[in-house]
Protein backbone atom coordinates (compact mmCIF):
# COMPACT_ATOMS: atom_id res chain seq x y z
CA UNK A 1 10.48 6.02 24.06
CA UNK A 2 11.22 5.49 20.34
CA UNK A 3 10.72 2.98 18.74
CA UNK A 4 11.99 2.38 14.15
CA UNK A 5 10.31 -0.28 12.18
CA UNK A 6 11.90 -1.38 10.52
CA UNK A 7 10.63 -3.38 7.03
CA UNK A 8 13.73 -4.62 4.51
CA UNK A 9 13.01 -8.41 3.41
CA UNK A 10 11.49 -8.27 0.93
CA UNK A 11 9.39 -5.00 -1.40
CA UNK A 12 7.89 -2.41 -0.49
CA UNK A 13 11.38 -0.67 1.86
CA UNK A 14 9.96 1.48 4.43
CA UNK A 15 10.74 2.70 8.12
CA UNK A 16 8.48 4.15 11.35
CA UNK A 17 9.20 6.26 13.94
CA UNK A 18 6.76 5.90 16.78
CA UNK A 19 7.43 8.01 20.65
CA UNK A 20 5.63 6.71 23.04
CA UNK A 21 2.39 5.21 20.90
CA UNK A 22 2.05 8.02 18.29
CA UNK A 23 3.04 7.58 14.85
CA UNK A 24 5.48 10.41 14.04
CA UNK A 25 6.07 9.27 10.51
CA UNK A 26 6.29 6.69 8.50
CA UNK A 27 8.08 6.73 4.44
CA UNK A 28 8.66 4.18 1.88
CA UNK A 29 12.24 4.09 1.07
CA UNK A 30 10.71 3.93 -3.16
CA UNK A 31 10.08 7.98 -2.53
CA UNK A 32 13.82 9.11 -1.52
CA UNK A 33 15.65 7.07 -4.09
CA UNK A 34 12.89 7.28 -7.00
CA UNK A 35 13.20 2.82 -6.91
CA UNK A 36 9.48 1.92 -7.48
CA UNK A 37 9.09 -0.48 -4.53
CA UNK A 38 12.20 0.37 -3.33
CA UNK A 39 14.14 -2.65 -5.02
CA UNK A 40 12.93 -5.87 -6.65
CA UNK A 41 11.55 -8.77 -4.48
CA UNK A 42 15.67 -10.63 -5.57
CA UNK A 43 16.97 -12.46 -2.10
CA UNK A 44 20.59 -11.00 -2.65
CA UNK A 45 18.72 -7.31 -2.17
CA UNK A 46 17.47 -8.68 1.38
CA UNK A 47 20.88 -6.57 2.38
CA UNK A 48 19.28 -3.17 1.51
CA UNK A 49 18.31 -1.08 4.15
CA UNK A 50 15.83 1.73 3.78
CA UNK A 51 18.25 4.32 4.83
CA UNK A 52 16.23 7.58 3.16
CA UNK A 53 13.71 7.00 4.80
CA UNK A 54 14.89 5.45 8.21
CA UNK A 55 17.20 9.28 7.63
CA UNK A 56 13.32 11.24 6.84
CA UNK A 57 11.63 9.43 10.39
CA UNK A 58 14.43 10.04 12.52
CA UNK A 59 14.88 14.20 10.79
CA UNK A 60 10.95 14.62 11.50
CA UNK A 61 11.92 13.93 15.28
CA UNK A 62 15.50 16.38 15.51
CA UNK A 63 16.84 12.63 16.49
CA UNK A 64 19.79 10.60 15.10
CA UNK A 65 19.68 6.89 15.19
CA UNK A 66 21.69 7.38 18.53
CA UNK A 67 18.58 8.12 20.58
CA UNK A 68 16.09 5.58 19.56
CA UNK A 69 16.16 2.34 22.01
CA UNK A 70 14.67 0.59 19.89
CA UNK A 71 14.71 -0.95 16.43
CA UNK A 72 11.61 -3.77 14.92
CA UNK A 73 12.82 -5.44 11.75
CA UNK A 74 8.79 -6.74 10.74
CA UNK A 75 10.93 -10.33 9.83
CA UNK A 76 12.28 -13.49 12.47
CA UNK A 77 14.86 -14.84 10.42
CA UNK A 78 15.08 -17.59 13.23
CA UNK A 79 12.00 -18.87 12.04
CA UNK A 80 13.96 -20.51 9.34
CA UNK A 81 17.13 -20.96 10.50
CA UNK A 82 16.22 -23.42 13.19
CA UNK A 83 18.94 -25.66 14.63
CA UNK A 84 21.64 -24.21 12.36
CA UNK A 85 20.45 -20.83 15.07
CA UNK A 86 23.77 -20.66 16.54
CA UNK A 87 26.12 -21.86 13.47
CA UNK A 88 29.07 -20.04 12.20
CA UNK A 89 28.38 -20.71 9.00
CA UNK A 90 25.61 -21.67 6.91
CA UNK A 91 26.69 -22.67 3.61
CA UNK A 92 25.82 -21.05 0.53
CA UNK A 93 26.09 -23.00 -2.93
CA UNK A 94 27.90 -21.01 -5.87
CA UNK A 95 24.97 -20.94 -8.32
CA UNK A 96 22.26 -21.86 -5.87
CA UNK A 97 19.12 -22.64 -8.27
CA UNK A 98 20.74 -25.15 -10.26
CA UNK A 99 21.07 -27.27 -7.12
CA UNK A 100 18.73 -29.17 -5.04
CA UNK A 101 18.38 -27.94 -1.54
CA UNK A 102 16.98 -28.87 1.89
CA UNK A 103 15.64 -25.64 2.24
CA UNK A 104 12.59 -23.75 1.16
CA UNK A 105 14.32 -21.87 -1.43
CA UNK A 106 17.94 -22.51 -2.57
CA UNK A 107 18.77 -18.56 -2.15
CA UNK A 108 17.12 -18.83 1.71
CA UNK A 109 21.21 -19.27 3.19
CA UNK A 110 21.87 -15.97 1.31
CA UNK A 111 18.75 -14.32 2.12
CA UNK A 112 18.34 -14.93 5.56
CA UNK A 113 22.40 -14.20 6.58
CA UNK A 114 21.95 -10.66 5.02
CA UNK A 115 18.45 -10.12 7.47
CA UNK A 116 20.40 -11.78 10.45
CA UNK A 117 23.71 -8.81 9.59
CA UNK A 118 20.83 -6.47 9.17
CA UNK A 119 21.94 -4.66 12.70
CA UNK A 120 25.56 -4.10 11.55
CA UNK A 121 24.00 -2.75 8.44
CA UNK A 122 22.28 -0.30 10.30
CA UNK A 123 25.21 0.40 12.16
CA UNK A 124 27.99 0.91 9.70
CA UNK A 125 25.94 1.50 5.80
CA UNK A 126 23.98 4.60 5.74
CA UNK A 127 25.21 6.55 2.71
CA UNK A 128 27.19 9.24 3.03
CA UNK A 129 25.51 12.25 2.15
CA UNK A 130 23.47 11.67 4.91
CA UNK A 131 25.11 9.30 7.61
CA UNK A 132 25.34 12.09 9.75
CA UNK A 133 22.09 10.27 11.59
CA UNK A 134 23.38 7.54 11.92
CA UNK A 135 27.11 7.91 13.90
CA UNK A 136 27.60 6.50 17.05
CA UNK A 137 25.55 3.40 17.29
CA UNK A 138 26.51 -0.59 17.39
CA UNK A 139 25.03 -3.10 15.92
CA UNK A 140 24.43 -3.78 19.24
CA UNK A 141 23.72 -0.86 20.85
CA UNK A 142 22.25 1.87 22.26
CA UNK A 143 19.50 0.36 20.02
CA UNK A 144 17.91 -2.92 21.33
CA UNK A 145 16.97 -4.88 18.09
CA UNK A 146 14.34 -6.50 17.42
CA UNK A 147 13.17 -9.12 15.15
CA UNK A 148 9.28 -9.78 14.47
CA UNK A 149 7.26 -11.91 12.98
CA UNK A 150 6.22 -11.08 9.40
CA UNK A 151 2.74 -11.70 9.99
CA UNK A 152 2.93 -10.34 13.15
CA UNK A 153 4.20 -7.26 12.26
CA UNK A 154 1.45 -7.20 9.45
CA UNK A 155 -1.15 -8.56 12.03
CA UNK A 156 -0.26 -5.06 14.79
CA UNK A 157 -0.11 -3.22 11.34
CA UNK A 158 -4.17 -4.16 12.01
CA UNK A 159 -5.46 -3.89 15.31
CA UNK A 160 -3.19 -1.16 16.71
CA UNK A 161 -4.23 1.13 13.91
CA UNK A 162 -7.79 -0.04 13.61
CA UNK A 163 -10.93 2.22 15.78
CA UNK A 164 -11.48 -1.20 17.86
CA UNK A 165 -11.06 -1.61 21.50
CA UNK A 166 -11.82 -5.46 20.31
CA UNK A 167 -11.61 -7.09 16.82
CA UNK A 168 -10.66 -10.31 15.32
CA UNK A 169 -8.02 -9.97 12.11
CA UNK A 170 -6.84 -11.61 8.76
CA UNK A 171 -3.97 -10.81 7.09
CA UNK A 172 -2.90 -12.57 3.88
CA UNK A 173 -0.01 -12.17 2.07
CA UNK A 174 2.77 -13.42 -1.31
CA UNK A 175 4.69 -15.28 1.71
CA UNK A 176 6.28 -14.67 5.21
CA UNK A 177 8.91 -16.63 7.18
CA UNK A 178 6.35 -19.71 7.21
CA UNK A 179 3.14 -18.35 7.15
CA UNK A 180 1.08 -16.56 4.63
CA UNK A 181 -2.20 -16.17 6.09
CA UNK A 182 -2.65 -15.64 9.35
CA UNK A 183 -5.79 -14.79 11.72
CA UNK A 184 -6.22 -14.00 15.25
CA UNK A 185 -8.04 -12.10 17.87
CA UNK A 186 -7.28 -9.14 19.81
CA UNK A 187 -9.62 -8.02 23.39
CA UNK A 188 -8.29 -6.75 26.56
CA UNK A 189 -5.55 -4.96 24.78
CA UNK A 190 -3.97 -8.53 24.08
CA UNK A 191 -3.68 -10.02 20.58
CA UNK A 192 -4.23 -14.20 20.25
CA UNK A 193 -3.50 -15.78 17.19
CA UNK A 194 -5.32 -18.42 16.31
CA UNK A 195 -4.18 -19.99 12.93
CA UNK A 196 -1.55 -20.18 9.85
CA UNK A 197 -1.51 -21.06 6.59
CA UNK A 198 1.67 -22.01 5.87
CA UNK A 199 3.50 -21.67 2.48
CA UNK A 200 3.56 -23.51 -0.35
CA UNK A 201 0.10 -22.68 -0.06
CA UNK A 202 -0.77 -19.28 -0.71
CA UNK A 203 -3.62 -16.93 -1.95
CA UNK A 204 -1.00 -14.29 -2.35
CA UNK A 205 1.48 -15.91 -4.90
CA UNK A 206 -1.34 -17.35 -6.52
CA UNK A 207 -2.34 -13.73 -7.65
CA UNK A 208 1.12 -13.48 -8.84
CA UNK A 209 1.95 -16.62 -10.70
CA UNK A 210 -1.56 -15.53 -12.85
CA UNK A 211 -0.52 -11.78 -12.34
CA UNK A 212 2.42 -12.89 -14.54
CA UNK A 213 0.72 -15.46 -16.43
CA UNK A 214 -0.95 -12.25 -17.90
CA UNK A 215 2.68 -10.13 -18.92
CA UNK A 216 2.42 -8.20 -16.11
CA UNK A 217 4.81 -7.35 -13.35
CA UNK A 218 4.71 -9.68 -10.45
CA UNK A 219 5.02 -8.30 -6.86
CA UNK A 220 4.14 -5.18 -8.25
CA UNK A 221 0.49 -4.91 -10.99
CA UNK A 222 -1.61 -7.37 -9.24
CA UNK A 223 -3.51 -4.05 -8.65
CA UNK A 224 -3.63 -4.08 -12.94
CA UNK A 225 -5.30 -7.66 -13.01
CA UNK A 226 -8.35 -6.56 -10.37
CA UNK A 227 -8.48 -4.07 -12.83
CA UNK A 228 -9.07 -6.29 -16.18
CA UNK A 229 -11.06 -9.07 -14.31
CA UNK A 230 -14.44 -6.53 -14.07
CA UNK A 231 -13.95 -7.02 -18.23
CA UNK A 232 -14.37 -10.09 -18.16
CA UNK A 233 -16.01 -13.63 -17.23
CA UNK A 234 -15.72 -16.69 -14.56
CA UNK A 235 -16.03 -18.92 -17.12
CA UNK A 236 -12.82 -20.25 -16.06
CA UNK A 237 -13.83 -20.92 -12.07
CA UNK A 238 -13.89 -24.61 -11.99
CA UNK A 239 -10.36 -24.84 -12.79
CA UNK A 240 -9.30 -22.17 -10.65
CA UNK A 241 -11.05 -24.23 -7.82
CA UNK A 242 -8.97 -27.21 -8.56
CA UNK A 243 -5.87 -24.49 -7.69
CA UNK A 244 -7.34 -23.13 -4.59
CA UNK A 245 -9.06 -25.43 -2.68
CA UNK A 246 -11.29 -24.33 0.93
CA UNK A 247 -10.69 -27.27 3.36
CA UNK A 248 -12.38 -25.19 6.06
CA UNK A 249 -12.19 -24.53 9.50
CA UNK A 250 -9.57 -21.47 7.84
CA UNK A 251 -7.91 -23.77 6.17
CA UNK A 252 -7.32 -23.86 2.08
CA UNK A 253 -4.39 -24.86 0.01
CA UNK A 254 -2.89 -23.74 -3.72
CA UNK A 255 -1.88 -26.37 -6.02
CA UNK A 256 0.78 -25.98 -8.94
CA UNK A 257 -0.76 -24.61 -11.88
CA UNK A 258 0.83 -26.02 -14.98
CA UNK A 259 -0.56 -22.23 -17.11
CA UNK A 260 0.13 -22.59 -20.28
CA UNK A 261 -1.38 -26.02 -20.43
CA UNK A 262 -4.78 -24.75 -18.68
CA UNK A 263 -4.82 -21.75 -19.88
CA UNK A 264 -2.65 -21.08 -23.63
CA UNK A 265 0.62 -19.63 -23.98
CA UNK A 266 1.60 -16.72 -21.96
CA UNK A 267 0.36 -13.43 -22.11
CA UNK A 268 3.89 -10.79 -24.02
CA UNK A 269 4.15 -7.79 -22.42
CA UNK A 270 3.00 -4.76 -25.08
CA UNK A 271 0.79 -7.69 -26.37
CA UNK A 272 -2.84 -7.19 -27.32
CA UNK A 273 -5.38 -8.47 -24.08
CA UNK A 274 -8.14 -10.36 -25.44
CA UNK A 275 -11.83 -11.24 -24.07
CA UNK A 276 -9.96 -14.49 -23.08
CA UNK A 277 -7.14 -12.71 -20.63
CA UNK A 278 -10.14 -11.01 -18.68
CA UNK A 279 -11.87 -14.80 -18.49
CA UNK A 280 -8.50 -15.38 -17.21
CA UNK A 281 -8.96 -12.26 -14.39
CA UNK A 282 -12.15 -12.18 -13.76
CA UNK A 283 -12.07 -15.93 -12.70
CA UNK A 284 -9.57 -15.45 -10.59
CA UNK A 285 -10.77 -12.62 -9.07
CA UNK A 286 -14.01 -14.95 -8.33
CA UNK A 287 -12.97 -17.29 -7.02
CA UNK A 288 -9.96 -15.91 -4.95
CA UNK A 289 -13.61 -13.53 -3.18
CA UNK A 290 -15.39 -16.74 -2.33
CA UNK A 291 -12.51 -17.71 -0.40
CA UNK A 292 -11.80 -15.13 1.43
CA UNK A 293 -15.66 -14.88 2.14
CA UNK A 294 -15.46 -18.58 3.51
CA UNK A 295 -13.01 -17.48 5.59
CA UNK A 296 -14.28 -14.06 7.65
CA UNK A 297 -17.64 -16.89 8.19
CA UNK A 298 -15.06 -19.09 10.06
CA UNK A 299 -12.96 -16.54 11.30
CA UNK A 300 -16.40 -14.46 12.68
CA UNK A 301 -17.59 -18.56 14.13
CA UNK A 302 -14.26 -18.32 16.43
CA UNK A 303 -13.81 -15.34 17.80
CA UNK A 304 -18.15 -14.02 17.55
CA UNK A 305 -15.91 -10.40 17.52
CA UNK A 306 -17.97 -7.54 15.21
CA UNK A 307 -15.00 -5.83 14.07
CA UNK A 308 -12.76 -7.17 11.37
CA UNK A 309 -8.45 -5.74 11.30
CA UNK A 310 -7.67 -6.63 7.40
CA UNK A 311 -4.00 -6.06 6.55
CA UNK A 312 -1.31 -7.79 4.04
CA UNK A 313 -0.68 -7.72 0.52
CA UNK A 314 -3.54 -9.35 -0.21
CA UNK A 315 -6.06 -6.31 1.65
CA UNK A 316 -5.11 -4.15 -1.01
CA UNK A 317 -7.94 -5.50 -3.35
CA UNK A 318 -10.61 -3.57 -2.61
CA UNK A 319 -13.57 -5.72 -4.46
CA UNK A 320 -12.65 -8.23 -2.94
CA UNK A 321 -12.37 -6.33 0.54
CA UNK A 322 -16.17 -4.82 0.01
CA UNK A 323 -17.10 -8.45 -0.86
CA UNK A 324 -16.01 -8.86 2.34
CA UNK A 325 -18.17 -5.90 4.10
CA UNK A 326 -21.58 -6.71 2.23
CA UNK A 327 -21.30 -9.93 2.52
CA UNK A 328 -19.13 -11.21 4.99
CA UNK A 329 -20.85 -11.26 8.86
CA UNK A 330 -18.69 -8.71 10.51
CA UNK A 331 -20.19 -4.90 11.20
CA UNK A 332 -17.59 -2.97 10.14
CA UNK A 333 -14.26 -3.97 8.55
CA UNK A 334 -10.90 -1.88 8.89
CA UNK A 335 -8.67 -1.67 6.36
CA UNK A 336 -4.80 -1.17 6.85
CA UNK A 337 -4.37 1.66 4.10
CA UNK A 338 -0.35 0.43 4.20
CA UNK A 339 -1.40 -3.10 3.83
CA UNK A 340 1.89 -4.79 2.19
CA UNK A 341 4.86 -4.69 2.71
CA UNK A 342 5.84 -1.48 3.76
CA UNK A 343 3.14 -1.61 6.77
CA UNK A 344 4.88 -4.14 8.09
CA UNK A 345 7.72 -0.98 8.66
CA UNK A 346 4.46 0.62 11.24
CA UNK A 347 3.83 -2.61 12.57
CA UNK A 348 6.29 -4.39 13.74
CA UNK A 349 7.03 -0.80 15.71
CA UNK A 350 3.50 -0.64 17.48
CA UNK A 351 4.29 -3.90 18.69
CA UNK A 352 7.53 -3.33 19.94
CA UNK A 353 6.66 0.28 21.28
CA UNK A 354 3.38 -1.68 22.92
CA UNK A 355 5.33 -4.04 24.56
CA UNK A 356 8.53 -2.38 25.77
CA UNK A 357 5.67 0.02 27.34
CA UNK A 358 3.45 -2.83 29.46
CA UNK A 359 0.65 -2.49 27.15
CA UNK A 360 -0.42 -3.75 23.01
CA UNK A 361 -3.38 -0.83 21.90
CA UNK A 362 -2.08 3.01 22.52
CA UNK A 363 -4.64 5.65 22.07
CA UNK A 364 -3.27 7.11 17.88
CA UNK A 365 -5.26 5.44 15.46
CA UNK A 366 -4.76 5.40 11.87
CA UNK A 367 -7.31 8.47 10.73
CA UNK A 368 -5.57 9.70 8.00
CA UNK A 369 -1.85 8.45 6.45
CA UNK A 370 -0.13 11.85 6.23
CA UNK A 371 2.89 11.08 7.26
CA UNK A 372 5.05 11.45 5.13
CA UNK A 373 7.70 14.76 4.48
CA UNK A 374 5.76 18.15 3.58
CA UNK A 375 7.78 21.08 2.41
CA UNK A 376 6.94 24.83 3.29
CA UNK A 377 6.61 27.82 0.66
CA UNK A 378 9.68 29.33 1.26
CA UNK A 379 11.48 25.64 0.17
CA UNK A 380 9.18 25.34 -2.46
CA UNK A 381 9.58 28.89 -3.80
CA UNK A 382 13.37 28.70 -3.83
CA UNK A 383 13.49 25.26 -6.59
CA UNK A 384 10.74 26.95 -9.22
CA UNK A 385 13.09 29.81 -9.00
CA UNK A 386 16.41 27.61 -8.89
CA UNK A 387 13.64 25.73 -11.91
CA UNK A 388 13.40 29.00 -13.50
CA UNK A 389 9.39 29.05 -13.75
CA UNK A 390 6.90 31.67 -14.25
CA UNK A 391 4.87 30.40 -11.08
CA UNK A 392 2.28 32.83 -9.19
CA UNK A 393 1.42 32.98 -5.04
CA UNK A 394 -2.95 31.98 -5.52
CA UNK A 395 -4.80 34.77 -2.95
CA UNK A 396 -7.35 31.90 -2.67
CA UNK A 397 -5.75 28.36 -3.85
CA UNK A 398 -9.38 26.36 -3.70
CA UNK A 399 -10.79 28.58 -5.24
CA UNK A 400 -8.42 29.87 -8.40
CA UNK A 401 -7.68 25.62 -8.52
CA UNK A 402 -12.07 24.39 -8.95
CA UNK A 403 -12.02 27.19 -11.69
CA UNK A 404 -8.66 26.08 -13.68
CA UNK A 405 -10.88 22.29 -13.01
CA UNK A 406 -13.33 23.37 -14.10
CA UNK A 407 -12.03 24.07 -17.67
CA UNK A 408 -10.92 20.34 -17.90
CA UNK A 409 -7.81 21.40 -17.16
CA UNK A 410 -5.40 18.04 -15.42
CA UNK A 411 -3.54 19.66 -11.76
CA UNK A 412 -1.23 17.94 -10.42
CA UNK A 413 -1.92 18.32 -6.56
CA UNK A 414 1.07 19.13 -4.09
CA UNK A 415 0.36 19.95 -0.39
CA UNK A 416 1.32 19.50 2.81
CA UNK A 417 2.45 15.90 4.13
CA UNK A 418 3.53 12.23 1.91
CA UNK A 419 0.74 10.15 2.35
CA UNK A 420 2.06 6.33 3.60
CA UNK A 421 1.10 3.15 1.80
CA UNK A 422 0.32 2.80 -2.20
CA UNK A 423 -2.90 4.91 -2.82
CA UNK A 424 -2.36 8.51 -3.32
CA UNK A 425 -5.32 10.36 -1.12
CA UNK A 426 -5.00 13.85 -2.02
CA UNK A 427 -1.46 14.95 -0.59
CA UNK A 428 0.66 13.78 -4.00
CA UNK A 429 -2.51 13.76 -6.49
CA UNK A 430 -3.31 14.50 -10.14
CA UNK A 431 -7.01 16.11 -10.03
CA UNK A 432 -9.16 16.48 -12.96
CA UNK A 433 -13.35 16.31 -13.33
CA UNK A 434 -15.54 14.07 -13.32
CA UNK A 435 -17.80 15.57 -15.57
CA UNK A 436 -15.92 14.55 -18.36
CA UNK A 437 -16.45 10.80 -19.96
CA UNK A 438 -13.32 11.16 -21.78
CA UNK A 439 -11.09 12.33 -18.82
CA UNK A 440 -10.23 8.49 -17.99
CA UNK A 441 -8.80 7.57 -21.13
CA UNK A 442 -7.22 11.52 -21.32
CA UNK A 443 -5.54 10.75 -17.35
CA UNK A 444 -4.38 6.41 -18.40
CA UNK A 445 -2.92 8.23 -21.51
CA UNK A 446 -1.27 11.46 -19.34
CA UNK A 447 0.36 8.59 -17.18
CA UNK A 448 1.00 5.83 -19.81
CA UNK A 449 -1.89 4.20 -18.26
CA UNK A 450 -3.65 0.38 -19.91
CA UNK A 451 -6.78 1.70 -21.35
CA UNK A 452 -8.74 -0.62 -19.41
CA UNK A 453 -7.65 1.32 -15.20
CA UNK A 454 -10.06 3.47 -13.86
CA UNK A 455 -10.00 6.04 -11.80
CA UNK A 456 -10.62 7.15 -8.37
CA UNK A 457 -12.81 9.65 -7.26
CA UNK A 458 -12.91 11.34 -4.16
CA UNK A 459 -16.02 12.93 -2.63
CA UNK A 460 -16.73 14.86 0.68
CA UNK A 461 -17.33 12.66 3.22
CA UNK A 462 -20.83 13.91 4.12
CA UNK A 463 -21.72 13.66 1.42
CA UNK A 464 -20.66 9.68 0.25
CA UNK A 465 -24.33 8.49 0.19
CA UNK A 466 -25.44 10.65 -1.96
CA UNK A 467 -23.40 9.65 -4.81
CA UNK A 468 -22.29 6.35 -3.61
CA UNK A 469 -24.65 3.26 -2.05
CA UNK A 470 -24.58 3.25 1.57
CA UNK A 471 -22.07 5.59 0.84
CA UNK A 472 -19.89 6.22 4.30
CA UNK A 473 -16.28 6.60 5.49
CA UNK A 474 -14.00 5.42 3.05
CA UNK A 475 -10.77 7.36 3.60
CA UNK A 476 -7.96 4.89 2.27
CA UNK A 477 -9.53 3.97 -0.60
CA UNK A 478 -8.88 0.16 0.43
CA UNK A 479 -13.25 -0.59 -0.83
CA UNK A 480 -15.68 -0.48 -3.95
CA UNK A 481 -18.97 0.85 -4.31
CA UNK A 482 -21.56 0.87 -6.51
CA UNK A 483 -21.64 4.72 -8.23
CA UNK A 484 -25.62 5.54 -7.75
CA UNK A 485 -27.80 5.38 -10.46
CA UNK A 486 -29.04 8.82 -10.82
CA UNK A 487 -26.08 9.78 -10.37
CA UNK A 488 -23.73 7.93 -13.28
CA UNK A 489 -24.14 10.46 -15.94
CA UNK A 490 -23.03 13.02 -13.65
CA UNK A 491 -19.42 11.76 -12.35
CA UNK A 492 -19.14 9.32 -15.61
CA UNK A 493 -15.60 9.23 -15.49
CA UNK A 494 -15.19 7.58 -11.98
CA UNK A 495 -17.52 4.68 -12.86
CA UNK A 496 -16.10 1.12 -13.70
CA UNK A 497 -17.41 -1.07 -16.17
CA UNK A 498 -18.58 -2.90 -13.21
CA UNK A 499 -20.80 0.19 -12.40
CA UNK A 500 -17.88 0.47 -9.48
CA UNK A 501 -16.16 3.32 -7.76
CA UNK A 502 -13.08 2.81 -5.58
CA UNK A 503 -14.37 5.99 -3.69
CA UNK A 504 -11.84 8.07 -1.02
CA UNK A 505 -14.62 10.45 1.54
CA UNK A 506 -12.21 13.95 3.30
CA UNK A 507 -13.65 15.82 5.52
CA UNK A 508 -11.53 18.81 6.47
CA UNK A 509 -9.81 17.83 9.95
CA UNK A 510 -7.86 15.11 7.58
CA UNK A 511 -6.64 16.96 5.08
CA UNK A 512 -8.26 20.80 4.48
CA UNK A 513 -6.34 22.35 1.30
CA UNK A 514 -8.03 19.30 -0.30
CA UNK A 515 -11.68 19.91 1.03
CA UNK A 516 -11.70 23.45 0.57
CA UNK A 517 -10.50 22.42 -2.93
CA UNK A 518 -13.04 19.77 -3.01
CA UNK A 519 -15.73 22.50 -1.50
CA UNK A 520 -15.11 25.35 -3.67
CA UNK A 521 -16.16 23.24 -7.09
CA UNK A 522 -18.98 21.48 -5.93
CA UNK A 523 -19.49 24.85 -5.04
CA UNK A 524 -19.03 25.97 -8.67
CA UNK A 525 -20.61 22.39 -10.23
CA UNK A 526 -23.36 20.98 -7.89
CA UNK A 527 -20.88 17.64 -7.90
CA UNK A 528 -19.00 17.27 -4.91
CA UNK A 529 -16.08 14.59 -6.07
CA UNK A 530 -13.28 14.59 -8.04
CA UNK A 531 -11.79 12.50 -9.95
CA UNK A 532 -7.91 11.45 -7.55
CA UNK A 533 -5.42 9.25 -8.83
CA UNK A 534 -1.45 8.99 -8.33
CA UNK A 535 0.92 11.17 -9.18
CA UNK A 536 3.10 9.42 -11.20
CA UNK A 537 4.14 7.57 -14.37
CA UNK A 538 4.16 5.32 -15.68
CA UNK A 539 6.33 2.79 -13.61
CA UNK A 540 7.70 5.75 -11.23
CA UNK A 541 7.02 6.05 -7.56
CA UNK A 542 4.38 8.83 -6.51
CA UNK A 543 6.72 12.68 -6.15
CA UNK A 544 7.90 13.59 -2.99
CA UNK A 545 9.76 16.64 -2.80
CA UNK A 546 9.22 19.80 -5.80
CA UNK A 547 11.63 17.93 -7.66
CA UNK A 548 10.14 15.51 -8.79
CA UNK A 549 6.31 17.33 -8.85
CA UNK A 550 8.43 19.14 -11.20
CA UNK A 551 9.99 16.59 -13.15
CA UNK A 552 7.00 15.28 -13.71
CA UNK A 553 4.66 18.24 -13.95
CA UNK A 554 7.06 18.72 -16.93
CA UNK A 555 7.63 16.10 -18.51
CA UNK A 556 3.78 14.78 -18.48
CA UNK A 557 0.63 16.23 -20.25
CA UNK A 558 -0.55 18.50 -17.29
CA UNK A 559 -2.03 21.34 -16.58
CA UNK A 560 -1.13 23.15 -13.79
CA UNK A 561 0.55 22.24 -10.76
CA UNK A 562 -0.51 23.25 -7.41
CA UNK A 563 2.53 23.30 -5.26
CA UNK A 564 2.15 24.65 -1.63
CA UNK A 565 0.34 27.86 -2.22
CA UNK A 566 1.79 28.41 -5.86
CA UNK A 567 -0.14 27.31 -9.19
CA UNK A 568 2.59 27.05 -11.76
CA UNK A 569 1.05 27.08 -15.51
CA UNK A 570 1.73 25.70 -19.19
CA UNK A 571 1.41 27.93 -21.72
């Protein structure tokens, strides 16, 4: 039985294909169209489906859409349509935002109409060049269509992918249909939602609003605010405690704020970052952490569970996650690596697959995120020839790249199946030595990033505890750890200003080529750590294909490209 999961309602549109409980493929649309986040999260883009990601997933399984049994769409419009569900028409003002409305948003009629018509869009809207896999279907089949509530899709992406048979579940994002936060409990292959917090109260939208105020792109750059927070002090915590108030029993309220009255004029994009901006970010971050910590304590009291699984865009805040891990009541915390909206295609597919097969848990667990496209050496070499590049086939890729890294070369690393989710985890990465303290700034220059942005380390799994305080298995870069004091001088480039690092651990079963490279570097340097940052530049999605990799390599100051079995170097 094949189940296709689709996320398309807001941003980070994606597709996932599940076969009898096993995830076959998962990918974001942005990796194919080269449009960051797939599209902007505006109401009139709801009609856009991730056709290219769907086409890839079907190709990976060797099937067409007509062979799919179930389609799970990670948004349920009927929760907002309510009594209007049976209506033939919905009134849409010519200028929705210029008129008062009894909808949550004046754009909701257009937004929901597109979602209701998603089955028809899937059946007839595929781009011409990939239409072959979408033939012989109608809006009503042969597949069966399922609208899955947005937060249920987030929840399922956590408890059905986590390595737990029993766990509490917490999801936090900007918004779903109504919910912005949900609490639940998974046990004995059954899931029960305990409580939810609804709009307008939203941790994610609060963080988005401050992101926008600080001159970043909301629904995109929230992670930059988290990084900026490390340079500030929480001098405005009192003001944020007025805005975000925890009411007990898992409930909180977010009150409207007039940011300019509180903190002065908003920062313009491109303007200098001041200590004032850093203090605002720090205050938001601290109050978020304190609030979420109270929430997880309540959830633990309600469930008595030993383990916690988390998802939703707010769960990509790795500093907050570390505080939940270290100061929360749960013995183990697992965070979905594709916690943002892209992960809802995974959750929706797993949920419907489990429901249709009469079980809510499968044997599949997400111990790696390498679920995207791969390219063999023949495909890669053919493109290198077309691009008229000088290249060589490596006799021993790991050792030869390790030697380049020790020469302080910055390497584009393109190997195996692409990662699912926002983090580069060793398939589409830029790698560098952590030994030189200047490497962080060099990488930020190469990638055209803000100066304050940290770079993250990857470490051999068996060595993690020797280099990071309480370092253990952390394959997805969703937690920060303190760098050990006796190791700070050895890996200065990956130590953030607050003494932490957002680590990735790797073992050989997850990614042999990546693991062997770290081993070779460790043998030569005594340091089992490399810098791993995403293979892209500002505003660009992570590279997917050999063409993407070569274009990025040729238009940036990267020194070398390790692509499949080949090495390309600049003169």
